[in-house]
Amino acid sequence: IFRGKIVDVSPETFVIEITGDEGKIRAAVELLKPCGIRELVRTGNVAVMRGPKSLKLA
């Protein structure tokens, strides 16, 4: 449905790439919220850290 791609998997985290229009992205985010989203990037080409460490804001 969402044409998602699993980019990375670790024992504690996973990175999923989902592309599509705003409505499709919004629906995917709502579906994944119960899993506990640590970081979300919504833009064009980006780099996202892989593995269990997440970015921390200062």
N, C-alpha and C. Protein backbone atom coordinates (compact mmCIF):
# COMPACT_ATOMS: atom_id res chain seq x y z
N ILE A 1 0.83 -1.19 0.00
CA ILE A 1 0.00 0.00 0.00
C ILE A 1 0.87 1.25 0.00
N PHE A 2 1.90 1.27 0.87
CA PHE A 2 2.71 2.47 1.01
C PHE A 2 4.01 2.42 0.21
N ARG A 3 4.27 1.31 -0.43
CA ARG A 3 5.53 1.13 -1.18
C ARG A 3 6.73 1.45 -0.30
N GLY A 4 6.67 0.98 0.94
CA GLY A 4 7.75 1.21 1.89
C GLY A 4 8.93 0.30 1.61
N LYS A 5 10.09 0.76 2.01
CA LYS A 5 11.32 -0.01 1.84
C LYS A 5 12.05 -0.01 3.19
N ILE A 6 12.37 -1.19 3.70
CA ILE A 6 13.13 -1.29 4.94
C ILE A 6 14.59 -1.06 4.59
N VAL A 7 15.16 0.01 5.16
CA VAL A 7 16.52 0.43 4.84
C VAL A 7 17.52 -0.18 5.82
N ASP A 8 17.13 -0.30 7.10
CA ASP A 8 18.05 -0.80 8.12
C ASP A 8 17.25 -1.40 9.26
N VAL A 9 17.80 -2.47 9.87
CA VAL A 9 17.15 -3.12 11.00
C VAL A 9 18.21 -3.41 12.05
N SER A 10 17.90 -3.11 13.31
CA SER A 10 18.74 -3.50 14.44
C SER A 10 17.81 -4.10 15.49
N PRO A 11 18.35 -4.67 16.56
CA PRO A 11 17.47 -5.25 17.58
C PRO A 11 16.49 -4.25 18.20
N GLU A 12 16.83 -2.95 18.19
CA GLU A 12 15.97 -1.96 18.83
C GLU A 12 15.29 -0.99 17.88
N THR A 13 15.76 -0.90 16.65
CA THR A 13 15.22 0.11 15.73
C THR A 13 15.11 -0.43 14.31
N PHE A 14 14.37 0.29 13.50
CA PHE A 14 14.37 0.03 12.07
C PHE A 14 14.16 1.35 11.35
N VAL A 15 14.68 1.42 10.14
CA VAL A 15 14.54 2.61 9.30
C VAL A 15 13.72 2.20 8.09
N ILE A 16 12.66 2.95 7.84
CA ILE A 16 11.77 2.67 6.71
C ILE A 16 11.75 3.89 5.80
N GLU A 17 11.84 3.64 4.51
CA GLU A 17 11.71 4.71 3.51
C GLU A 17 10.34 4.57 2.86
N ILE A 18 9.56 5.62 2.93
CA ILE A 18 8.24 5.62 2.30
C ILE A 18 8.15 6.85 1.41
N THR A 19 7.76 6.65 0.18
CA THR A 19 7.61 7.77 -0.74
C THR A 19 6.16 7.85 -1.20
N GLY A 20 5.73 9.05 -1.52
CA GLY A 20 4.38 9.23 -2.01
C GLY A 20 3.90 10.64 -1.76
N ASP A 21 2.63 10.87 -2.06
CA ASP A 21 2.07 12.20 -1.83
C ASP A 21 1.81 12.42 -0.34
N GLU A 22 1.45 13.64 0.02
CA GLU A 22 1.30 14.01 1.43
C GLU A 22 0.28 13.13 2.15
N GLY A 23 -0.82 12.81 1.50
CA GLY A 23 -1.85 11.98 2.13
C GLY A 23 -1.35 10.58 2.44
N LYS A 24 -0.61 10.00 1.52
CA LYS A 24 -0.08 8.66 1.73
C LYS A 24 0.95 8.65 2.86
N ILE A 25 1.81 9.67 2.90
CA ILE A 25 2.81 9.76 3.96
C ILE A 25 2.12 9.94 5.31
N ARG A 26 1.13 10.81 5.37
CA ARG A 26 0.40 11.05 6.61
C ARG A 26 -0.25 9.76 7.12
N ALA A 27 -0.86 9.00 6.22
CA ALA A 27 -1.50 7.75 6.61
C ALA A 27 -0.48 6.74 7.13
N ALA A 28 0.68 6.67 6.51
CA ALA A 28 1.73 5.75 6.97
C ALA A 28 2.23 6.15 8.35
N VAL A 29 2.42 7.44 8.58
CA VAL A 29 2.88 7.93 9.89
C VAL A 29 1.85 7.58 10.96
N GLU A 30 0.58 7.79 10.69
CA GLU A 30 -0.46 7.46 11.66
C GLU A 30 -0.46 5.96 11.98
N LEU A 31 -0.25 5.15 10.97
CA LEU A 31 -0.23 3.70 11.16
C LEU A 31 0.98 3.27 12.01
N LEU A 32 2.11 3.97 11.87
CA LEU A 32 3.33 3.60 12.58
C LEU A 32 3.46 4.23 13.96
N LYS A 33 2.64 5.22 14.29
CA LYS A 33 2.75 5.90 15.60
C LYS A 33 2.73 4.94 16.79
N PRO A 34 1.88 3.91 16.82
CA PRO A 34 1.89 2.99 17.96
C PRO A 34 3.23 2.27 18.16
N CYS A 35 4.05 2.20 17.13
CA CYS A 35 5.37 1.56 17.24
C CYS A 35 6.36 2.45 17.98
N GLY A 36 6.06 3.75 18.07
CA GLY A 36 6.97 4.68 18.74
C GLY A 36 7.97 5.26 17.76
N ILE A 37 7.63 6.33 17.11
CA ILE A 37 8.53 6.96 16.14
C ILE A 37 9.53 7.83 16.89
N ARG A 38 10.81 7.53 16.77
CA ARG A 38 11.87 8.31 17.42
C ARG A 38 12.29 9.50 16.59
N GLU A 39 12.31 9.32 15.29
CA GLU A 39 12.79 10.37 14.40
C GLU A 39 12.00 10.26 13.10
N LEU A 40 11.64 11.40 12.55
CA LEU A 40 10.87 11.42 11.31
C LEU A 40 11.42 12.51 10.42
N VAL A 41 11.70 12.16 9.18
CA VAL A 41 12.21 13.12 8.20
C VAL A 41 11.26 13.13 7.02
N ARG A 42 10.76 14.31 6.69
CA ARG A 42 9.85 14.45 5.55
C ARG A 42 10.40 15.52 4.63
N THR A 43 11.11 15.09 3.60
CA THR A 43 11.72 16.03 2.66
C THR A 43 12.19 15.27 1.43
N GLY A 44 13.01 15.91 0.63
CA GLY A 44 13.59 15.27 -0.55
C GLY A 44 14.71 14.33 -0.15
N ASN A 45 15.82 14.36 -0.87
CA ASN A 45 16.96 13.51 -0.56
C ASN A 45 17.55 13.88 0.79
N VAL A 46 17.76 12.86 1.64
CA VAL A 46 18.27 13.10 2.99
C VAL A 46 19.21 11.98 3.42
N ALA A 47 19.89 12.20 4.52
CA ALA A 47 20.68 11.16 5.18
C ALA A 47 20.10 10.95 6.57
N VAL A 48 19.92 9.70 6.97
CA VAL A 48 19.38 9.37 8.28
C VAL A 48 20.33 8.38 8.95
N MET A 49 20.64 8.60 10.23
CA MET A 49 21.54 7.73 10.96
C MET A 49 20.95 6.33 11.04
N ARG A 50 21.79 5.31 10.87
CA ARG A 50 21.35 3.93 10.96
C ARG A 50 21.73 3.36 12.32
N GLY A 51 20.95 2.40 12.81
CA GLY A 51 21.26 1.73 14.06
C GLY A 51 20.46 2.27 15.23
N PRO A 52 20.78 1.80 16.45
CA PRO A 52 19.97 2.12 17.62
C PRO A 52 20.15 3.53 18.17
N LYS A 53 21.20 4.24 17.80
CA LYS A 53 21.41 5.59 18.32
C LYS A 53 20.54 6.56 17.55
N SER A 54 19.93 7.49 18.27
CA SER A 54 19.13 8.52 17.61
C SER A 54 19.73 9.88 17.90
N LEU A 55 19.36 10.85 17.11
CA LEU A 55 19.87 12.20 17.31
C LEU A 55 19.29 12.79 18.58
N LYS A 56 20.08 13.56 19.29
CA LYS A 56 19.60 14.24 20.49
C LYS A 56 19.74 15.73 20.28
N LEU A 57 18.68 16.46 20.57
CA LEU A 57 18.72 17.91 20.44
C LEU A 57 19.39 18.51 21.66
N ALA A 58 20.22 19.53 21.43
CA ALA A 58 20.93 20.18 22.54
C ALA A 58 20.02 21.15 23.25
